[in-house]
Amino acid sequence: MIKPGTFFMLAFYFISLSACGQTPKPVENGAYIIDNSIKSQVDKKVKSFKGLTMSSMDFRMYQNGNLIGDTYAKGKSIDECMTMTTLQGDTINIVGFMGMFAGFGYQISLFKDTCIVRHFAKSDTEIYKLHENDSLEFGVSVPCKTYKLTLAEKPTFKKGQILEGIIELTSDEYYEVANDKESKFKIQLTGYFRTDPLGSTGDKYNKTKNE
């Protein structure tokens, strides 16, 4: 039987690999905002359950220009989202997602004063592509038309720090092919997250191996 910690690490590696299956074009970094007042919003949206921190998302999803899902209108966020975080030198990587081996979410790469944010979608079958003429992949990493990242405190890029934040994004369009039908998708998303104490990928692997 796979232990919970090991299971979520396996899921993290799957998401990282599948979401990055297609090579992204370079994008310019954007500045992030530091605003300690968001802590109250994050506290309302992020919960702990049996030692696991569950983040939340709101989203509007569009298929061929038509709105097909809107949690903002319903007033009920998706509150069973996972957040996986790694510290790699001077870069903090944050992945927030709903679902496990199929779902969607966001990827954040944090640098000293800037960040790169992308939306991703993934599946257990090859149904996604970023551009119309691309080959189908299990996952797609999608640039954002706009994004705004607000953190409660400045990252120190040191092990042990816990980051809290709100990410708001609107993705570019991407493609899904299901039942021989091709559709264009895009998403507007707001994610609320609190990370575990920052650690390297190696630290997390050794921790789950020893649990």
N, C-alpha and C. Protein backbone atom coordinates (compact mmCIF):
# COMPACT_ATOMS: atom_id res chain seq x y z
N MET A 1 0.85 -1.20 0.00
CA MET A 1 0.00 0.00 0.00
C MET A 1 0.88 1.25 0.00
N ILE A 2 0.61 2.20 -0.87
CA ILE A 2 1.40 3.43 -0.95
C ILE A 2 0.97 4.37 0.16
N LYS A 3 1.96 4.88 0.90
CA LYS A 3 1.67 5.80 1.98
C LYS A 3 1.28 7.16 1.41
N PRO A 4 0.46 7.95 2.17
CA PRO A 4 -0.03 9.23 1.63
C PRO A 4 1.08 10.15 1.15
N GLY A 5 2.16 10.29 1.93
CA GLY A 5 3.23 11.19 1.52
C GLY A 5 3.86 10.76 0.22
N THR A 6 4.13 9.47 0.09
CA THR A 6 4.71 8.94 -1.14
C THR A 6 3.76 9.13 -2.31
N PHE A 7 2.47 8.90 -2.09
CA PHE A 7 1.47 9.03 -3.15
C PHE A 7 1.45 10.45 -3.70
N PHE A 8 1.47 11.44 -2.80
CA PHE A 8 1.40 12.82 -3.27
C PHE A 8 2.69 13.25 -3.96
N MET A 9 3.84 12.69 -3.53
CA MET A 9 5.07 12.99 -4.24
C MET A 9 5.05 12.40 -5.65
N LEU A 10 4.52 11.17 -5.79
CA LEU A 10 4.39 10.56 -7.10
C LEU A 10 3.47 11.39 -7.98
N ALA A 11 2.37 11.87 -7.38
CA ALA A 11 1.44 12.72 -8.14
C ALA A 11 2.13 14.00 -8.58
N PHE A 12 2.97 14.57 -7.69
CA PHE A 12 3.68 15.80 -8.03
C PHE A 12 4.60 15.60 -9.23
N TYR A 13 5.36 14.48 -9.22
CA TYR A 13 6.26 14.21 -10.33
C TYR A 13 5.47 13.99 -11.61
N PHE A 14 4.33 13.30 -11.53
CA PHE A 14 3.50 13.06 -12.71
C PHE A 14 3.02 14.38 -13.29
N ILE A 15 2.54 15.27 -12.42
CA ILE A 15 2.04 16.57 -12.86
C ILE A 15 3.15 17.37 -13.50
N SER A 16 4.32 17.39 -12.86
CA SER A 16 5.43 18.17 -13.39
C SER A 16 5.84 17.68 -14.77
N LEU A 17 5.89 16.35 -14.95
CA LEU A 17 6.29 15.79 -16.24
C LEU A 17 5.22 15.99 -17.30
N SER A 18 3.96 15.69 -16.96
CA SER A 18 2.90 15.76 -17.96
C SER A 18 2.60 17.19 -18.36
N ALA A 19 2.64 18.10 -17.40
CA ALA A 19 2.33 19.49 -17.70
C ALA A 19 3.41 20.14 -18.53
N CYS A 20 4.61 19.60 -18.46
CA CYS A 20 5.73 20.18 -19.21
C CYS A 20 6.07 19.35 -20.43
N GLY A 21 5.16 18.53 -20.88
CA GLY A 21 5.43 17.67 -22.02
C GLY A 21 5.76 18.44 -23.28
N GLN A 22 5.18 19.63 -23.42
CA GLN A 22 5.47 20.45 -24.59
C GLN A 22 6.41 21.56 -24.17
N THR A 23 7.40 21.84 -25.00
CA THR A 23 8.38 22.86 -24.66
C THR A 23 7.76 24.24 -24.78
N PRO A 24 7.70 25.00 -23.68
CA PRO A 24 7.08 26.32 -23.73
C PRO A 24 7.99 27.34 -24.41
N LYS A 25 7.39 28.32 -25.03
CA LYS A 25 8.16 29.43 -25.55
C LYS A 25 8.60 30.31 -24.38
N PRO A 26 9.75 31.01 -24.51
CA PRO A 26 10.18 31.91 -23.45
C PRO A 26 9.13 33.00 -23.21
N VAL A 27 8.93 33.35 -21.95
CA VAL A 27 8.02 34.44 -21.62
C VAL A 27 8.72 35.40 -20.70
N GLU A 28 8.32 36.64 -20.71
CA GLU A 28 8.94 37.62 -19.84
C GLU A 28 8.44 37.42 -18.41
N ASN A 29 9.34 37.62 -17.46
CA ASN A 29 8.97 37.52 -16.06
C ASN A 29 8.14 38.74 -15.66
N GLY A 30 7.27 38.55 -14.68
CA GLY A 30 6.49 39.64 -14.14
C GLY A 30 6.78 39.81 -12.66
N ALA A 31 6.67 41.02 -12.18
CA ALA A 31 6.89 41.28 -10.76
C ALA A 31 5.73 40.71 -9.95
N TYR A 32 6.02 40.33 -8.72
CA TYR A 32 4.94 39.94 -7.81
C TYR A 32 4.79 41.00 -6.72
N ILE A 33 3.68 40.92 -6.00
CA ILE A 33 3.33 41.94 -5.02
C ILE A 33 3.44 41.34 -3.62
N ILE A 34 3.91 42.13 -2.66
CA ILE A 34 3.92 41.74 -1.26
C ILE A 34 2.86 42.54 -0.53
N ASP A 35 1.91 41.84 0.08
CA ASP A 35 0.81 42.50 0.79
C ASP A 35 0.36 41.60 1.94
N ASN A 36 0.77 41.94 3.15
CA ASN A 36 0.47 41.11 4.31
C ASN A 36 -1.02 41.02 4.62
N SER A 37 -1.82 41.96 4.10
CA SER A 37 -3.26 41.97 4.41
C SER A 37 -4.01 40.80 3.78
N ILE A 38 -3.38 40.10 2.82
CA ILE A 38 -4.09 38.97 2.19
C ILE A 38 -4.16 37.75 3.10
N LYS A 39 -3.42 37.76 4.21
CA LYS A 39 -3.41 36.59 5.10
C LYS A 39 -4.81 36.20 5.54
N SER A 40 -5.67 37.19 5.79
CA SER A 40 -7.03 36.89 6.24
C SER A 40 -7.83 36.19 5.15
N GLN A 41 -7.62 36.58 3.88
CA GLN A 41 -8.29 35.91 2.77
C GLN A 41 -7.80 34.48 2.63
N VAL A 42 -6.48 34.29 2.74
CA VAL A 42 -5.91 32.96 2.62
C VAL A 42 -6.40 32.06 3.74
N ASP A 43 -6.46 32.60 4.96
CA ASP A 43 -6.93 31.82 6.11
C ASP A 43 -8.35 31.29 5.89
N LYS A 44 -9.18 32.07 5.23
CA LYS A 44 -10.56 31.66 4.97
C LYS A 44 -10.64 30.57 3.91
N LYS A 45 -9.67 30.55 3.00
CA LYS A 45 -9.74 29.67 1.84
C LYS A 45 -8.87 28.43 1.95
N VAL A 46 -7.91 28.42 2.87
CA VAL A 46 -6.97 27.31 3.00
C VAL A 46 -7.20 26.60 4.33
N LYS A 47 -7.39 25.29 4.28
CA LYS A 47 -7.69 24.51 5.48
C LYS A 47 -6.70 23.36 5.62
N SER A 48 -6.56 22.87 6.84
CA SER A 48 -5.74 21.69 7.11
C SER A 48 -6.65 20.53 7.49
N PHE A 49 -6.34 19.35 6.95
CA PHE A 49 -7.14 18.16 7.21
C PHE A 49 -6.22 16.97 7.37
N LYS A 50 -6.17 16.43 8.59
CA LYS A 50 -5.33 15.26 8.90
C LYS A 50 -3.88 15.47 8.44
N GLY A 51 -3.36 16.65 8.75
CA GLY A 51 -1.97 16.94 8.44
C GLY A 51 -1.72 17.43 7.03
N LEU A 52 -2.76 17.45 6.19
CA LEU A 52 -2.62 17.93 4.81
C LEU A 52 -3.20 19.33 4.69
N THR A 53 -2.52 20.19 3.98
CA THR A 53 -3.02 21.54 3.73
C THR A 53 -3.78 21.53 2.42
N MET A 54 -5.05 21.91 2.48
CA MET A 54 -5.90 21.91 1.30
C MET A 54 -6.15 23.35 0.86
N SER A 55 -5.67 23.68 -0.33
CA SER A 55 -5.86 25.01 -0.88
C SER A 55 -7.18 25.08 -1.64
N SER A 56 -7.48 26.23 -2.25
CA SER A 56 -8.74 26.35 -2.97
C SER A 56 -8.56 27.17 -4.25
N MET A 57 -9.52 27.00 -5.16
CA MET A 57 -9.52 27.71 -6.44
C MET A 57 -10.93 28.15 -6.80
N ASP A 58 -10.99 29.25 -7.52
CA ASP A 58 -12.18 29.63 -8.27
C ASP A 58 -11.79 29.73 -9.74
N PHE A 59 -12.73 29.41 -10.62
CA PHE A 59 -12.37 29.47 -12.05
C PHE A 59 -13.60 29.69 -12.92
N ARG A 60 -13.32 30.27 -14.09
CA ARG A 60 -14.26 30.30 -15.20
C ARG A 60 -13.58 29.59 -16.36
N MET A 61 -14.23 28.58 -16.92
CA MET A 61 -13.65 27.84 -18.03
C MET A 61 -14.49 28.06 -19.29
N TYR A 62 -13.79 28.30 -20.41
CA TYR A 62 -14.45 28.57 -21.68
C TYR A 62 -14.06 27.51 -22.70
N GLN A 63 -15.05 27.01 -23.43
CA GLN A 63 -14.84 26.07 -24.51
C GLN A 63 -15.39 26.68 -25.79
N ASN A 64 -14.51 26.90 -26.77
CA ASN A 64 -14.91 27.54 -28.03
C ASN A 64 -15.64 28.86 -27.79
N GLY A 65 -15.16 29.61 -26.79
CA GLY A 65 -15.72 30.92 -26.48
C GLY A 65 -16.94 30.89 -25.59
N ASN A 66 -17.47 29.71 -25.27
CA ASN A 66 -18.67 29.59 -24.44
C ASN A 66 -18.28 29.24 -23.00
N LEU A 67 -18.89 29.90 -22.04
CA LEU A 67 -18.63 29.63 -20.63
C LEU A 67 -19.26 28.29 -20.25
N ILE A 68 -18.43 27.34 -19.76
CA ILE A 68 -18.95 26.01 -19.42
C ILE A 68 -18.80 25.68 -17.94
N GLY A 69 -18.13 26.54 -17.19
CA GLY A 69 -17.98 26.31 -15.76
C GLY A 69 -17.64 27.61 -15.07
N ASP A 70 -18.30 27.91 -13.93
CA ASP A 70 -18.08 29.19 -13.27
C ASP A 70 -18.32 29.05 -11.77
N THR A 71 -17.26 28.84 -11.01
CA THR A 71 -17.42 28.73 -9.55
C THR A 71 -17.60 30.10 -8.91
N TYR A 72 -17.15 31.16 -9.58
CA TYR A 72 -17.37 32.51 -9.06
C TYR A 72 -18.88 32.78 -8.92
N ALA A 73 -19.63 32.44 -9.97
CA ALA A 73 -21.07 32.69 -9.97
C ALA A 73 -21.78 31.85 -8.92
N LYS A 74 -21.29 30.61 -8.71
CA LYS A 74 -21.91 29.73 -7.73
C LYS A 74 -21.58 30.13 -6.30
N GLY A 75 -20.50 30.90 -6.14
CA GLY A 75 -20.10 31.31 -4.80
C GLY A 75 -19.51 30.19 -3.97
N LYS A 76 -19.07 29.11 -4.62
CA LYS A 76 -18.48 27.97 -3.91
C LYS A 76 -17.18 27.57 -4.58
N SER A 77 -16.07 27.85 -3.89
CA SER A 77 -14.76 27.52 -4.44
C SER A 77 -14.53 26.01 -4.42
N ILE A 78 -13.60 25.55 -5.26
CA ILE A 78 -13.12 24.18 -5.19
C ILE A 78 -12.08 24.15 -4.06
N ASP A 79 -12.42 23.51 -2.95
CA ASP A 79 -11.59 23.64 -1.75
C ASP A 79 -10.83 22.37 -1.39
N GLU A 80 -10.64 21.49 -2.35
CA GLU A 80 -9.83 20.29 -2.11
C GLU A 80 -8.69 20.25 -3.12
N CYS A 81 -7.91 21.33 -3.14
CA CYS A 81 -6.79 21.45 -4.07
C CYS A 81 -5.48 21.23 -3.33
N MET A 82 -4.53 20.63 -4.02
CA MET A 82 -3.22 20.36 -3.45
C MET A 82 -2.22 21.43 -3.89
N THR A 83 -1.23 21.68 -3.04
CA THR A 83 -0.13 22.58 -3.37
C THR A 83 1.17 21.86 -3.10
N MET A 84 2.01 21.74 -4.13
CA MET A 84 3.32 21.13 -3.99
C MET A 84 4.38 22.20 -4.26
N THR A 85 5.42 22.24 -3.42
CA THR A 85 6.42 23.29 -3.51
C THR A 85 7.82 22.71 -3.39
N THR A 86 8.76 23.20 -4.19
CA THR A 86 10.16 22.81 -4.07
C THR A 86 11.04 24.04 -4.14
N LEU A 87 12.18 23.96 -3.48
CA LEU A 87 13.19 25.01 -3.51
C LEU A 87 14.40 24.45 -4.25
N GLN A 88 14.74 25.10 -5.36
CA GLN A 88 15.88 24.67 -6.17
C GLN A 88 16.83 25.85 -6.34
N GLY A 89 17.81 25.93 -5.45
CA GLY A 89 18.74 27.05 -5.49
C GLY A 89 18.05 28.36 -5.21
N ASP A 90 18.04 29.25 -6.21
CA ASP A 90 17.40 30.56 -6.04
C ASP A 90 16.02 30.62 -6.70
N THR A 91 15.39 29.45 -6.87
CA THR A 91 14.06 29.38 -7.49
C THR A 91 13.11 28.58 -6.61
N ILE A 92 11.93 29.12 -6.39
CA ILE A 92 10.87 28.40 -5.69
C ILE A 92 9.82 28.02 -6.72
N ASN A 93 9.50 26.73 -6.80
CA ASN A 93 8.47 26.25 -7.72
C ASN A 93 7.24 25.84 -6.93
N ILE A 94 6.10 26.38 -7.30
CA ILE A 94 4.83 26.09 -6.65
C ILE A 94 3.86 25.55 -7.69
N VAL A 95 3.28 24.39 -7.43
CA VAL A 95 2.27 23.80 -8.30
C VAL A 95 0.98 23.65 -7.50
N GLY A 96 -0.08 24.30 -7.94
CA GLY A 96 -1.39 24.15 -7.33
C GLY A 96 -2.31 23.44 -8.30
N PHE A 97 -3.06 22.45 -7.83
CA PHE A 97 -3.86 21.68 -8.76
C PHE A 97 -5.08 21.06 -8.09
N MET A 98 -6.09 20.82 -8.90
CA MET A 98 -7.25 20.04 -8.49
C MET A 98 -7.28 18.78 -9.34
N GLY A 99 -7.75 17.69 -8.76
CA GLY A 99 -7.67 16.41 -9.42
C GLY A 99 -6.36 15.74 -9.04
N MET A 100 -6.12 14.55 -9.58
CA MET A 100 -4.88 13.86 -9.25
C MET A 100 -4.13 13.52 -10.53
N PHE A 101 -4.55 12.48 -11.24
CA PHE A 101 -3.90 12.14 -12.49
C PHE A 101 -4.65 12.72 -13.69
N ALA A 102 -5.68 13.49 -13.43
CA ALA A 102 -6.37 14.28 -14.45
C ALA A 102 -6.92 15.51 -13.74
N GLY A 103 -6.70 16.66 -14.31
CA GLY A 103 -7.17 17.88 -13.67
C GLY A 103 -6.46 19.08 -14.26
N PHE A 104 -6.44 20.19 -13.50
CA PHE A 104 -5.78 21.40 -13.98
C PHE A 104 -5.36 22.24 -12.79
N GLY A 105 -4.57 23.26 -13.09
CA GLY A 105 -4.10 24.14 -12.02
C GLY A 105 -3.15 25.19 -12.55
N TYR A 106 -2.17 25.55 -11.71
CA TYR A 106 -1.22 26.60 -12.07
C TYR A 106 0.19 26.21 -11.64
N GLN A 107 1.15 26.77 -12.33
CA GLN A 107 2.57 26.58 -12.02
C GLN A 107 3.18 27.96 -11.80
N ILE A 108 3.89 28.13 -10.70
CA ILE A 108 4.56 29.39 -10.39
C ILE A 108 6.04 29.12 -10.20
N SER A 109 6.88 29.88 -10.89
CA SER A 109 8.32 29.87 -10.63
C SER A 109 8.68 31.24 -10.07
N LEU A 110 9.16 31.25 -8.82
CA LEU A 110 9.49 32.48 -8.13
C LEU A 110 10.99 32.71 -8.16
N PHE A 111 11.40 33.91 -8.58
CA PHE A 111 12.79 34.31 -8.55
C PHE A 111 12.93 35.47 -7.56
N LYS A 112 14.06 36.14 -7.56
CA LYS A 112 14.31 37.16 -6.54
C LYS A 112 13.21 38.21 -6.48
N ASP A 113 12.94 38.85 -7.59
CA ASP A 113 11.93 39.91 -7.62
C ASP A 113 10.86 39.68 -8.69
N THR A 114 10.91 38.55 -9.38
CA THR A 114 10.00 38.30 -10.48
C THR A 114 9.45 36.88 -10.40
N CYS A 115 8.52 36.59 -11.29
CA CYS A 115 7.93 35.26 -11.33
C CYS A 115 7.46 34.96 -12.75
N ILE A 116 7.31 33.68 -13.03
CA ILE A 116 6.65 33.20 -14.25
C ILE A 116 5.48 32.35 -13.80
N VAL A 117 4.33 32.58 -14.38
CA VAL A 117 3.10 31.85 -14.03
C VAL A 117 2.52 31.24 -15.29
N ARG A 118 2.12 29.97 -15.20
CA ARG A 118 1.48 29.29 -16.31
C ARG A 118 0.30 28.48 -15.78
N HIS A 119 -0.68 28.31 -16.64
CA HIS A 119 -1.79 27.39 -16.38
C HIS A 119 -1.41 26.03 -16.95
N PHE A 120 -1.91 24.95 -16.35
CA PHE A 120 -1.69 23.64 -16.98
C PHE A 120 -2.95 22.80 -16.87
N ALA A 121 -3.08 21.89 -17.80
CA ALA A 121 -4.14 20.87 -17.77
C ALA A 121 -3.48 19.54 -18.06
N LYS A 122 -4.00 18.47 -17.47
CA LYS A 122 -3.40 17.16 -17.65
C LYS A 122 -4.48 16.09 -17.67
N SER A 123 -4.15 14.96 -18.26
CA SER A 123 -5.09 13.86 -18.39
C SER A 123 -4.31 12.55 -18.38
N ASP A 124 -5.02 11.44 -18.23
CA ASP A 124 -4.36 10.14 -18.32
C ASP A 124 -4.39 9.60 -19.75
N THR A 125 -4.85 10.42 -20.68
CA THR A 125 -4.79 10.09 -22.11
C THR A 125 -4.24 11.31 -22.86
N GLU A 126 -3.76 11.08 -24.07
CA GLU A 126 -3.16 12.16 -24.85
C GLU A 126 -4.27 12.94 -25.58
N ILE A 127 -4.69 14.04 -24.98
CA ILE A 127 -5.79 14.81 -25.55
C ILE A 127 -5.46 16.30 -25.71
N TYR A 128 -4.32 16.76 -25.19
CA TYR A 128 -4.04 18.19 -25.17
C TYR A 128 -2.94 18.59 -26.14
N LYS A 129 -3.02 19.82 -26.63
CA LYS A 129 -1.94 20.42 -27.39
C LYS A 129 -2.03 21.93 -27.23
N LEU A 130 -0.87 22.58 -27.28
CA LEU A 130 -0.83 24.02 -27.08
C LEU A 130 -1.22 24.77 -28.36
N HIS A 131 -0.72 24.27 -29.48
CA HIS A 131 -1.02 24.91 -30.78
C HIS A 131 -1.76 23.91 -31.67
N GLU A 132 -2.47 24.44 -32.65
CA GLU A 132 -3.34 23.60 -33.48
C GLU A 132 -2.57 22.48 -34.19
N ASN A 133 -1.34 22.73 -34.60
CA ASN A 133 -0.58 21.75 -35.36
C ASN A 133 0.35 20.91 -34.50
N ASP A 134 0.30 21.05 -33.19
CA ASP A 134 1.13 20.25 -32.29
C ASP A 134 0.61 18.81 -32.20
N SER A 135 1.48 17.92 -31.77
CA SER A 135 1.05 16.55 -31.45
C SER A 135 0.33 16.54 -30.11
N LEU A 136 -0.54 15.56 -29.94
CA LEU A 136 -1.29 15.46 -28.69
C LEU A 136 -0.38 14.95 -27.57
N GLU A 137 -0.60 15.50 -26.37
CA GLU A 137 0.19 15.16 -25.19
C GLU A 137 -0.74 14.86 -24.02
N PHE A 138 -0.18 14.22 -22.97
CA PHE A 138 -0.94 13.99 -21.75
C PHE A 138 -1.23 15.30 -21.01
N GLY A 139 -0.31 16.26 -21.12
CA GLY A 139 -0.49 17.52 -20.42
C GLY A 139 -0.02 18.68 -21.26
N VAL A 140 -0.51 19.86 -20.91
CA VAL A 140 -0.13 21.06 -21.63
C VAL A 140 0.14 22.17 -20.62
N SER A 141 1.23 22.89 -20.83
CA SER A 141 1.60 24.04 -20.01
C SER A 141 1.34 25.30 -20.81
N VAL A 142 0.46 26.15 -20.31
CA VAL A 142 -0.13 27.22 -21.12
C VAL A 142 0.31 28.59 -20.61
N PRO A 143 0.89 29.45 -21.47
CA PRO A 143 1.20 30.81 -21.06
C PRO A 143 -0.06 31.57 -20.66
N CYS A 144 0.13 32.63 -19.90
CA CYS A 144 -1.01 33.43 -19.43
C CYS A 144 -1.05 34.77 -20.16
N LYS A 145 -2.26 35.18 -20.54
CA LYS A 145 -2.43 36.52 -21.09
C LYS A 145 -2.14 37.56 -20.02
N THR A 146 -2.65 37.31 -18.81
CA THR A 146 -2.40 38.19 -17.68
C THR A 146 -2.25 37.34 -16.43
N TYR A 147 -1.47 37.82 -15.49
CA TYR A 147 -1.44 37.18 -14.18
C TYR A 147 -0.99 38.18 -13.12
N LYS A 148 -1.45 37.92 -11.90
CA LYS A 148 -1.09 38.75 -10.74
C LYS A 148 -0.85 37.82 -9.57
N LEU A 149 0.36 37.86 -9.03
CA LEU A 149 0.71 37.05 -7.87
C LEU A 149 0.95 37.97 -6.68
N THR A 150 0.21 37.71 -5.60
CA THR A 150 0.35 38.47 -4.37
C THR A 150 0.77 37.53 -3.25
N LEU A 151 1.87 37.83 -2.59
CA LEU A 151 2.36 37.03 -1.47
C LEU A 151 2.24 37.81 -0.17
N ALA A 152 2.03 37.08 0.92
CA ALA A 152 1.87 37.73 2.23
C ALA A 152 3.20 38.25 2.77
N GLU A 153 4.31 37.64 2.35
CA GLU A 153 5.63 38.12 2.78
C GLU A 153 6.66 37.84 1.71
N LYS A 154 7.77 38.54 1.79
CA LYS A 154 8.84 38.40 0.80
C LYS A 154 9.52 37.05 0.95
N PRO A 155 9.67 36.30 -0.14
CA PRO A 155 10.39 35.03 -0.06
C PRO A 155 11.85 35.23 0.36
N THR A 156 12.33 34.37 1.24
CA THR A 156 13.73 34.41 1.66
C THR A 156 14.58 33.42 0.89
N PHE A 157 13.94 32.48 0.21
CA PHE A 157 14.61 31.41 -0.54
C PHE A 157 15.49 30.57 0.38
N LYS A 158 15.00 30.41 1.61
CA LYS A 158 15.67 29.56 2.59
C LYS A 158 14.73 28.45 3.03
N LYS A 159 15.31 27.30 3.35
CA LYS A 159 14.51 26.17 3.78
C LYS A 159 13.72 26.52 5.04
N GLY A 160 12.50 26.00 5.10
CA GLY A 160 11.67 26.18 6.27
C GLY A 160 10.63 27.28 6.17
N GLN A 161 10.79 28.22 5.22
CA GLN A 161 9.81 29.29 5.09
C GLN A 161 8.50 28.76 4.56
N ILE A 162 7.39 29.30 5.05
CA ILE A 162 6.05 28.97 4.55
C ILE A 162 5.53 30.19 3.81
N LEU A 163 5.09 29.99 2.58
CA LEU A 163 4.58 31.08 1.76
C LEU A 163 3.06 31.00 1.65
N GLU A 164 2.42 32.15 1.75
CA GLU A 164 0.98 32.27 1.55
C GLU A 164 0.74 33.24 0.41
N GLY A 165 -0.24 32.93 -0.46
CA GLY A 165 -0.45 33.82 -1.57
C GLY A 165 -1.77 33.63 -2.29
N ILE A 166 -2.00 34.56 -3.21
CA ILE A 166 -3.16 34.51 -4.10
C ILE A 166 -2.65 34.71 -5.52
N ILE A 167 -3.00 33.79 -6.41
CA ILE A 167 -2.63 33.92 -7.82
C ILE A 167 -3.91 34.12 -8.64
N GLU A 168 -3.88 35.13 -9.51
CA GLU A 168 -4.99 35.41 -10.42
C GLU A 168 -4.43 35.35 -11.84
N LEU A 169 -5.08 34.59 -12.71
CA LEU A 169 -4.55 34.45 -14.07
C LEU A 169 -5.67 34.29 -15.08
N THR A 170 -5.36 34.66 -16.31
CA THR A 170 -6.18 34.34 -17.48
C THR A 170 -5.26 33.71 -18.51
N SER A 171 -5.58 32.50 -18.93
CA SER A 171 -4.67 31.76 -19.81
C SER A 171 -4.86 32.14 -21.27
N ASP A 172 -3.86 31.81 -22.07
CA ASP A 172 -4.03 31.78 -23.52
C ASP A 172 -4.95 30.61 -23.87
N GLU A 173 -5.34 30.52 -25.13
CA GLU A 173 -6.14 29.38 -25.57
C GLU A 173 -5.25 28.16 -25.82
N TYR A 174 -5.80 26.99 -25.61
CA TYR A 174 -5.13 25.74 -25.93
C TYR A 174 -6.18 24.77 -26.44
N TYR A 175 -5.74 23.58 -26.86
CA TYR A 175 -6.64 22.67 -27.56
C TYR A 175 -6.81 21.36 -26.80
N GLU A 176 -8.03 20.84 -26.90
CA GLU A 176 -8.34 19.49 -26.40
C GLU A 176 -9.04 18.72 -27.51
N VAL A 177 -8.62 17.48 -27.71
CA VAL A 177 -9.26 16.62 -28.70
C VAL A 177 -9.86 15.43 -27.98
N ALA A 178 -11.19 15.35 -27.97
CA ALA A 178 -11.90 14.26 -27.29
C ALA A 178 -13.02 13.77 -28.20
N ASN A 179 -13.12 12.45 -28.31
CA ASN A 179 -14.15 11.84 -29.17
C ASN A 179 -14.07 12.38 -30.59
N ASP A 180 -12.83 12.54 -31.07
CA ASP A 180 -12.56 13.02 -32.44
C ASP A 180 -13.05 14.44 -32.68
N LYS A 181 -13.28 15.17 -31.60
CA LYS A 181 -13.72 16.55 -31.74
C LYS A 181 -12.70 17.47 -31.10
N GLU A 182 -12.26 18.48 -31.85
CA GLU A 182 -11.26 19.42 -31.36
C GLU A 182 -11.94 20.69 -30.84
N SER A 183 -11.52 21.12 -29.64
CA SER A 183 -12.08 22.31 -29.02
C SER A 183 -10.98 23.21 -28.50
N LYS A 184 -11.26 24.52 -28.50
CA LYS A 184 -10.37 25.49 -27.89
C LYS A 184 -10.83 25.76 -26.46
N PHE A 185 -9.88 25.81 -25.55
CA PHE A 185 -10.18 26.10 -24.15
C PHE A 185 -9.35 27.29 -23.67
N LYS A 186 -9.87 27.99 -22.70
CA LYS A 186 -9.10 28.95 -21.92
C LYS A 186 -9.74 29.04 -20.54
N ILE A 187 -8.98 29.58 -19.58
CA ILE A 187 -9.46 29.60 -18.21
C ILE A 187 -9.08 30.91 -17.52
N GLN A 188 -9.98 31.36 -16.67
CA GLN A 188 -9.69 32.43 -15.73
C GLN A 188 -9.70 31.79 -14.35
N LEU A 189 -8.67 32.03 -13.56
CA LEU A 189 -8.51 31.26 -12.32
C LEU A 189 -7.97 32.15 -11.21
N THR A 190 -8.48 31.92 -10.00
CA THR A 190 -7.93 32.52 -8.78
C THR A 190 -7.61 31.40 -7.81
N GLY A 191 -6.36 31.31 -7.41
CA GLY A 191 -5.94 30.27 -6.47
C GLY A 191 -5.45 30.87 -5.17
N TYR A 192 -5.84 30.25 -4.06
CA TYR A 192 -5.41 30.65 -2.72
C TYR A 192 -4.55 29.51 -2.17
N PHE A 193 -3.34 29.81 -1.70
CA PHE A 193 -2.46 28.72 -1.29
C PHE A 193 -1.62 29.07 -0.06
N ARG A 194 -1.25 28.01 0.64
CA ARG A 194 -0.25 28.07 1.71
C ARG A 194 0.66 26.87 1.51
N THR A 195 1.95 27.09 1.42
CA THR A 195 2.87 26.00 1.16
C THR A 195 3.26 25.29 2.45
N ASP A 196 3.79 24.08 2.30
CA ASP A 196 4.52 23.44 3.38
C ASP A 196 5.84 24.19 3.55
N PRO A 197 6.56 23.96 4.66
CA PRO A 197 7.90 24.58 4.80
C PRO A 197 8.77 24.25 3.60
N LEU A 198 9.42 25.25 3.05
CA LEU A 198 10.20 25.05 1.85
C LEU A 198 11.33 24.04 2.06
N GLY A 199 11.51 23.18 1.07
CA GLY A 199 12.59 22.21 1.08
C GLY A 199 12.92 21.81 -0.33
N SER A 200 14.05 21.18 -0.51
CA SER A 200 14.46 20.77 -1.84
C SER A 200 13.72 19.51 -2.26
N THR A 201 13.73 19.21 -3.55
CA THR A 201 13.11 17.98 -4.04
C THR A 201 13.74 16.77 -3.37
N GLY A 202 15.05 16.79 -3.20
CA GLY A 202 15.74 15.69 -2.55
C GLY A 202 15.29 15.49 -1.11
N ASP A 203 15.10 16.59 -0.38
CA ASP A 203 14.61 16.51 0.99
C ASP A 203 13.25 15.84 1.04
N LYS A 204 12.36 16.25 0.14
CA LYS A 204 11.01 15.70 0.13
C LYS A 204 11.03 14.22 -0.22
N TYR A 205 11.90 13.84 -1.19
CA TYR A 205 11.99 12.43 -1.57
C TYR A 205 12.48 11.59 -0.40
N ASN A 206 13.51 12.06 0.28
CA ASN A 206 14.06 11.29 1.41
C ASN A 206 13.06 11.18 2.55
N LYS A 207 12.27 12.25 2.75
CA LYS A 207 11.27 12.24 3.82
C LYS A 207 10.21 11.20 3.54
N THR A 208 9.68 11.18 2.30
CA THR A 208 8.61 10.22 1.97
C THR A 208 9.15 8.80 1.94
N LYS A 209 10.42 8.62 1.55
CA LYS A 209 11.02 7.27 1.51
C LYS A 209 11.13 6.68 2.89
N ASN A 210 11.33 7.57 3.90
CA ASN A 210 11.53 7.10 5.26
C ASN A 210 10.26 7.04 6.08
N GLU A 211 9.13 7.51 5.52
CA GLU A 211 7.86 7.49 6.27
C GLU A 211 7.32 6.07 6.39
